C-alpha atoms as a PDB file:
ATOM      1  CA  MET A   1    -193.684  97.211 -96.701  1.00  0.00           C
ATOM      2  CA  LYS A   2    -193.421  95.928-100.333  1.00  0.00           C
ATOM      3  CA  GLY A   3    -193.076  99.647-101.301  1.00  0.00           C
ATOM      4  CA  TYR A   4    -190.105 100.117 -99.014  1.00  0.00           C
ATOM      5  CA  ILE A   5    -188.512  96.787-100.155  1.00  0.00           C
ATOM      6  CA  GLY A   6    -189.054  97.819-103.760  1.00  0.00           C
ATOM      7  CA  TYR A   7    -187.389 101.241-103.069  1.00  0.00           C
ATOM      8  CA  GLY A   8    -184.409  99.582-101.460  1.00  0.00           C
ATOM      9  CA  GLU A   9    -183.922  97.377-104.503  1.00  0.00           C
ATOM     10  CA  GLN A  10    -184.327 100.335-106.751  1.00  0.00           C
ATOM     11  CA  GLN A  11    -181.595 102.042-104.793  1.00  0.00           C
ATOM     12  CA  LYS A  12    -179.462  98.723-104.855  1.00  0.00           C
ATOM     13  CA  TYR A  13    -179.321  98.553-100.952  1.00  0.00           C
ATOM     14  CA  ASN A  14    -179.706  94.847-101.468  1.00  0.00           C
ATOM     15  CA  ILE A  15    -176.452  94.266-103.242  1.00  0.00           C
ATOM     16  CA  GLY A  16    -174.401  96.136-100.576  1.00  0.00           C
ATOM     17  CA  TYR A  17    -172.144  93.487 -98.820  1.00  0.00           C
ATOM     18  CA  LYS A  18    -174.274  93.614 -95.254  1.00  0.00           C
ATOM     19  CA  CYS A  19    -177.493  93.024 -97.138  1.00  0.00           C
ATOM     20  CA  SER A  20    -176.235  90.700 -99.838  1.00  0.00           C
ATOM     21  CA  ILE A  21    -175.166  88.194 -97.154  1.00  0.00           C
ATOM     22  CA  ARG A  22    -178.497  87.978 -95.360  1.00  0.00           C
ATOM     23  CA  LYS A  23    -181.235  85.415 -96.421  1.00  0.00           C
ATOM     24  CA  ARG A  24    -183.660  88.330 -96.821  1.00  0.00           C
ATOM     25  CA  TRP A  25    -181.664  91.434 -97.288  1.00  0.00           C
ATOM     26  CA  TYR A  26    -184.080  93.823 -95.562  1.00  0.00           C
ATOM     27  CA  ILE A  27    -184.178  91.916 -92.357  1.00  0.00           C
ATOM     28  CA  VAL A  28    -181.601  93.097 -89.796  1.00  0.00           C
ATOM     29  CA  PRO A  29    -180.412  90.123 -87.649  1.00  0.00           C
ATOM     30  CA  SER A  30    -180.205  90.146 -83.735  1.00  0.00           C
ATOM     31  CA  VAL A  31    -182.189  93.223 -83.022  1.00  0.00           C
ATOM     32  CA  PHE A  32    -183.242  93.663 -79.394  1.00  0.00           C
ATOM     33  CA  GLU A  33    -183.351  96.448 -76.886  1.00  0.00           C
ATOM     34  CA  PRO A  34    -180.373  95.895 -74.480  1.00  0.00           C
ATOM     35  CA  HIS A  35    -180.442  97.065 -70.908  1.00  0.00           C
ATOM     36  CA  ALA A  36    -177.399  99.208 -71.659  1.00  0.00           C
ATOM     37  CA  PHE A  37    -174.805 100.088 -74.174  1.00  0.00           C
ATOM     38  CA  MET A  38    -170.945 100.009 -73.845  1.00  0.00           C
ATOM     39  CA  LEU A  39    -168.977 102.133 -76.390  1.00  0.00           C
ATOM     40  CA  ARG A  40    -166.672 100.141 -78.533  1.00  0.00           C
ATOM     41  CA  GLN A  41    -164.199 103.084 -79.030  1.00  0.00           C
ATOM     42  CA  VAL A  42    -163.619 105.756 -76.598  1.00  0.00           C
ATOM     43  CA  HIS A  43    -161.372 108.620 -76.009  1.00  0.00           C
ATOM     44  CA  ALA A  44    -160.859 109.548 -72.465  1.00  0.00           C
ATOM     45  CA  HIS A  45    -162.439 106.780 -70.781  1.00  0.00           C
ATOM     46  CA  PRO A  46    -164.656 103.460 -71.102  1.00  0.00           C
ATOM     47  CA  LYS A  47    -168.419 104.324 -71.194  1.00  0.00           C
ATOM     48  CA  LEU A  48    -171.241 102.204 -69.907  1.00  0.00           C
ATOM     49  CA  ILE A  49    -174.672 103.904 -70.710  1.00  0.00           C
ATOM     50  CA  MET A  50    -178.118 102.741 -69.357  1.00  0.00           C
ATOM     51  CA  ASN A  51    -180.689 102.336 -72.181  1.00  0.00           C
ATOM     52  CA  LYS A  52    -183.544 104.424 -70.752  1.00  0.00           C
ATOM     53  CA  ALA A  53    -184.892 105.145 -74.355  1.00  0.00           C
ATOM     54  CA  GLY A  54    -185.391 101.458 -75.402  1.00  0.00           C
ATOM     55  CA  ALA A  55    -183.219 101.993 -78.328  1.00  0.00           C
ATOM     56  CA  THR A  56    -181.196  99.262 -80.285  1.00  0.00           C
ATOM     57  CA  CYS A  57    -177.885  99.799 -82.165  1.00  0.00           C
ATOM     58  CA  THR A  58    -175.655  98.225 -84.784  1.00  0.00           C
ATOM     59  CA  ASP A  59    -172.529  96.252 -83.847  1.00  0.00           C
ATOM     60  CA  THR A  60    -170.472  99.353 -83.468  1.00  0.00           C
ATOM     61  CA  ILE A  61    -171.746  99.613 -79.967  1.00  0.00           C
ATOM     62  CA  HIS A  62    -171.707  96.634 -77.501  1.00  0.00           C
ATOM     63  CA  ARG A  63    -175.291  95.744 -76.257  1.00  0.00           C
ATOM     64  CA  ILE A  64    -175.443  94.859 -72.629  1.00  0.00           C
ATOM     65  CA  ARG A  65    -177.994  92.640 -70.920  1.00  0.00           C
ATOM     66  CA  PHE A  66    -178.175  92.328 -67.114  1.00  0.00           C
ATOM     67  CA  LYS A  67    -179.087  89.056 -65.266  1.00  0.00           C
ATOM     68  CA  GLU A  68    -182.618  89.365 -63.702  1.00  0.00           C
ATOM     69  CA  ASP A  69    -181.258  89.900 -60.322  1.00  0.00           C
ATOM     70  CA  VAL A  70    -178.649  92.590 -61.187  1.00  0.00           C
ATOM     71  CA  ASN A  71    -179.540  96.307 -60.639  1.00  0.00           C
ATOM     72  CA  GLY A  72    -178.379  98.010 -64.002  1.00  0.00           C
ATOM     73  CA  GLU A  73    -178.021 101.385 -62.508  1.00  0.00           C
ATOM     74  CA  HIS A  74    -175.688  99.970 -59.804  1.00  0.00           C
ATOM     75  CA  VAL A  75    -173.563  98.368 -62.613  1.00  0.00           C
ATOM     76  CA  VAL A  76    -173.379 101.483 -64.665  1.00  0.00           C
ATOM     77  CA  SER A  77    -172.378 103.654 -61.532  1.00  0.00           C
ATOM     78  CA  ALA A  78    -169.871 101.006 -60.363  1.00  0.00           C
ATOM     79  CA  PHE A  79    -168.247 100.858 -63.789  1.00  0.00           C
ATOM     80  CA  MET A  80    -166.975 104.386 -63.411  1.00  0.00           C
ATOM     81  CA  ASN A  81    -163.969 103.665 -60.781  1.00  0.00           C
ATOM     82  CA  SER A  82    -160.250 104.287 -60.797  1.00  0.00           C
ATOM     83  CA  MET A  83    -159.608 100.549 -60.741  1.00  0.00           C
ATOM     84  CA  THR A  84    -161.814  99.602 -63.788  1.00  0.00           C
ATOM     85  CA  PHE A  85    -160.535 102.565 -65.784  1.00  0.00           C
ATOM     86  CA  ALA A  86    -156.855 101.495 -65.066  1.00  0.00           C
ATOM     87  CA  PHE A  87    -157.526  97.948 -66.229  1.00  0.00           C
ATOM     88  CA  SER A  88    -159.312  99.380 -69.431  1.00  0.00           C
ATOM     89  CA  GLU A  89    -156.128 100.747 -70.541  1.00  0.00           C
ATOM     90  CA  VAL A  90    -154.414  97.358 -70.290  1.00  0.00           C
ATOM     91  CA  MET A  91    -157.291  95.310 -71.555  1.00  0.00           C
ATOM     92  CA  GLY A  92    -158.530  97.623 -74.441  1.00  0.00           C
ATOM     93  CA  ARG A  93    -156.641  98.138 -77.835  1.00  0.00           C
ATOM     94  CA  SER A  94    -155.146 101.498 -78.501  1.00  0.00           C
ATOM     95  CA  TYR A  95    -155.254 102.563 -82.110  1.00  0.00           C
ATOM     96  CA  GLY A  96    -154.291 105.826 -84.038  1.00  0.00           C
ATOM     97  CA  GLY A  97    -155.264 109.151 -82.741  1.00  0.00           C
ATOM     98  CA  GLY A  98    -155.564 107.865 -79.155  1.00  0.00           C
ATOM     99  CA  VAL A  99    -158.609 105.843 -79.620  1.00  0.00           C
ATOM    100  CA  LEU A 100    -159.129 102.998 -77.200  1.00  0.00           C
ATOM    101  CA  THR A 101    -161.229 100.032 -78.480  1.00  0.00           C
ATOM    102  CA  PHE A 102    -162.898  96.979 -76.673  1.00  0.00           C
ATOM    103  CA  GLU A 103    -163.706  93.860 -78.242  1.00  0.00           C
ATOM    104  CA  PRO A 104    -166.482  91.903 -76.447  1.00  0.00           C
ATOM    105  CA  THR A 105    -164.116  89.426 -74.700  1.00  0.00           C
ATOM    106  CA  GLU A 106    -161.874  92.414 -73.576  1.00  0.00           C
ATOM    107  CA  ALA A 107    -165.016  94.367 -72.246  1.00  0.00           C
ATOM    108  CA  GLU A 108    -166.298  91.231 -70.339  1.00  0.00           C
ATOM    109  CA  ARG A 109    -162.908  90.817 -68.619  1.00  0.00           C
ATOM    110  CA  MET A 110    -162.592  94.122 -67.259  1.00  0.00           C
ATOM    111  CA  PRO A 111    -162.820  94.017 -63.363  1.00  0.00           C
ATOM    112  CA  LEU A 112    -165.999  95.472 -61.891  1.00  0.00           C
ATOM    113  CA  SER A 113    -166.746  95.213 -58.098  1.00  0.00           C
ATOM    114  CA  LEU A 114    -170.466  95.934 -56.874  1.00  0.00           C
ATOM    115  CA  LYS A 115    -169.399  95.811 -53.079  1.00  0.00           C
ATOM    116  CA  GLY A 116    -170.512  99.029 -51.563  1.00  0.00           C
ATOM    117  CA  ILE A 117    -172.450 100.254 -54.573  1.00  0.00           C
ATOM    118  CA  GLU A 118    -175.666 100.545 -52.635  1.00  0.00           C
ATOM    119  CA  SER A 119    -174.393 103.892 -51.127  1.00  0.00           C
ATOM    120  CA  ILE A 120    -174.210 105.400 -54.342  1.00  0.00           C
ATOM    121  CA  SER A 121    -177.093 107.436 -56.144  1.00  0.00           C
ATOM    122  CA  PHE A 122    -177.326 106.678 -59.835  1.00  0.00           C
ATOM    123  CA  LYS A 123    -178.959 110.046 -60.339  1.00  0.00           C
ATOM    124  CA  GLU A 124    -176.020 111.830 -58.671  1.00  0.00           C
ATOM    125  CA  ILE A 125    -173.397 110.117 -60.862  1.00  0.00           C
ATOM    126  CA  ASP A 126    -175.528 110.714 -63.926  1.00  0.00           C
ATOM    127  CA  LYS A 127    -175.681 114.366 -63.080  1.00  0.00           C
ATOM    128  CA  TYR A 128    -171.959 114.738 -62.571  1.00  0.00           C
ATOM    129  CA  VAL A 129    -171.375 112.698 -65.984  1.00  0.00           C
ATOM    130  CA  ARG A 130    -173.530 115.042 -67.839  1.00  0.00           C
ATOM    131  CA  LEU A 131    -171.836 118.146 -66.207  1.00  0.00           C
ATOM    132  CA  GLY A 132    -168.543 116.665 -67.340  1.00  0.00           C
ATOM    133  CA  LYS A 133    -167.306 116.247 -63.667  1.00  0.00           C
ATOM    134  CA  LEU A 134    -165.445 113.103 -63.979  1.00  0.00           C
ATOM    135  CA  ASP A 135    -163.231 113.688 -61.017  1.00  0.00           C
ATOM    136  CA  SER A 136    -166.324 114.089 -58.900  1.00  0.00           C
ATOM    137  CA  VAL A 137    -167.652 110.873 -60.069  1.00  0.00           C
ATOM    138  CA  LEU A 138    -164.553 109.041 -59.380  1.00  0.00           C
ATOM    139  CA  ASP A 139    -164.170 110.450 -55.971  1.00  0.00           C
ATOM    140  CA  ILE A 140    -167.759 109.066 -55.036  1.00  0.00           C
ATOM    141  CA  THR A 141    -167.238 105.559 -56.800  1.00  0.00           C
ATOM    142  CA  ASP A 142    -163.773 105.113 -55.352  1.00  0.00           C
ATOM    143  CA  GLU A 143    -164.749 106.020 -52.004  1.00  0.00           C
ATOM    144  CA  ALA A 144    -167.846 103.672 -52.126  1.00  0.00           C
ATOM    145  CA  ILE A 145    -166.582 100.693 -54.132  1.00  0.00           C
ATOM    146  CA  LEU A 146    -162.792 100.765 -53.605  1.00  0.00           C
ATOM    147  CA  ARG A 147    -162.381 101.977 -49.980  1.00  0.00           C
ATOM    148  CA  ASN A 148    -165.553 100.973 -48.329  1.00  0.00           C
ATOM    149  CA  GLY A 149    -166.347  98.049 -50.545  1.00  0.00           C
ATOM    150  CA  LEU A 150    -163.095  96.499 -51.214  1.00  0.00           C
ATOM    151  CA  GLY A 151    -161.097  97.954 -48.255  1.00  0.00           C
ATOM    152  CA  LEU A 152    -158.261  99.649 -50.487  1.00  0.00           C
ATOM    153  CA  SER A 153    -156.169 102.310 -48.840  1.00  0.00           C
ATOM    154  CA  MET A 154    -156.443 105.920 -49.964  1.00  0.00           C
ATOM    155  CA  LYS A 155    -152.847 105.403 -51.115  1.00  0.00           C
ATOM    156  CA  ASP A 156    -153.802 102.386 -53.147  1.00  0.00           C
ATOM    157  CA  ILE A 157    -156.772 104.121 -54.761  1.00  0.00           C
ATOM    158  CA  ARG A 158    -154.651 107.386 -55.577  1.00  0.00           C
ATOM    159  CA  SER A 159    -152.123 104.937 -57.221  1.00  0.00           C
ATOM    160  CA  LEU A 160    -154.894 103.369 -59.392  1.00  0.00           C
ATOM    161  CA  ARG A 161    -156.099 106.752 -60.432  1.00  0.00           C
ATOM    162  CA  GLY A 162    -152.680 107.966 -61.263  1.00  0.00           C
ATOM    163  CA  ILE A 163    -151.881 104.765 -63.131  1.00  0.00           C
ATOM    164  CA  TRP A 164    -155.115 105.182 -65.294  1.00  0.00           C
ATOM    165  CA  ILE A 165    -154.215 108.953 -65.780  1.00  0.00           C
ATOM    166  CA  LYS A 166    -150.725 108.202 -66.833  1.00  0.00           C
ATOM    167  CA  MET A 167    -151.621 105.500 -69.252  1.00  0.00           C
ATOM    168  CA  ARG A 168    -154.623 107.470 -70.677  1.00  0.00           C
ATOM    169  CA  ASP A 169    -152.580 110.449 -71.374  1.00  0.00           C
ATOM    170  CA  ARG A 170    -149.564 108.530 -72.775  1.00  0.00           C
ATOM    171  CA  ARG A 171    -152.143 106.815 -75.286  1.00  0.00           C
ATOM    172  CA  ILE A 172    -153.895 110.064 -76.188  1.00  0.00           C
ATOM    173  CA  LEU A 173    -150.662 112.108 -76.439  1.00  0.00           C
ATOM    174  CA  ARG A 174    -148.680 109.474 -78.265  1.00  0.00           C
ATOM    175  CA  THR A 175    -146.947 110.539 -81.179  1.00  0.00           C
ATOM    176  CA  HIS A 176    -145.056 108.798 -83.752  1.00  0.00           C
ATOM    177  CA  SER A 177    -141.667 110.164 -84.886  1.00  0.00           C
ATOM    178  CA  ILE A 178    -139.646 109.128 -87.759  1.00  0.00           C
ATOM    179  CA  VAL A 179    -136.087 108.403 -86.981  1.00  0.00           C
ATOM    180  CA  GLU A 180    -133.704 109.146 -89.879  1.00  0.00           C
END
C-alpha cells in the first residue's frame, strides 16, 4: 500500500484538485456498491441499470439504492415507459449536442409507477434493451403500467409516447442558426 501511495505522490496525483481537497488524498470518499445506476447524461432516453456486477462509480453516474422492500428489477423495468420518458424531457436539462442531463433532484422527481409491474419479466425487458428494441420495451411496459396499472386509455398512451418522441427529437436535432 505504501508503495502505491509513494508512486502516486511521485506522479503528483496528490496535488490534483480532487485529491488535494481530501484529508487523505488517496482515500476516495463515499464508495459503496449501489443497487442500480442512473446515467447522468443521456442521448435518446434516460437509463436506469441494475448493478448485477457489484460495481461502484464516480459521481458522473447517479448511484441508486432501493428500500429493503422494493424489488429493484421491477423499478428498472417500470422506469422504461412513455410517461416517465416524456417527463424526463421536461425535467432534465438539455445541453449542446442534444445531451439530456439529470441532477439528483431532477432524477428523484421523475414520475414512476409500479402499478402492474408484477406482470412484466425483467429478463424479457433486458433482452429487448440489449437488442436495441426500445419500441418493444415501451409496448410491454406501457401496456402493463400505464394501461392496466394506471388505467390510461390507448389514446392517452399514444399521446404520451408522441410527446416524448417529439421532445426527444427536437432536443437531438436542434440546431443553432445565426441571424444576420
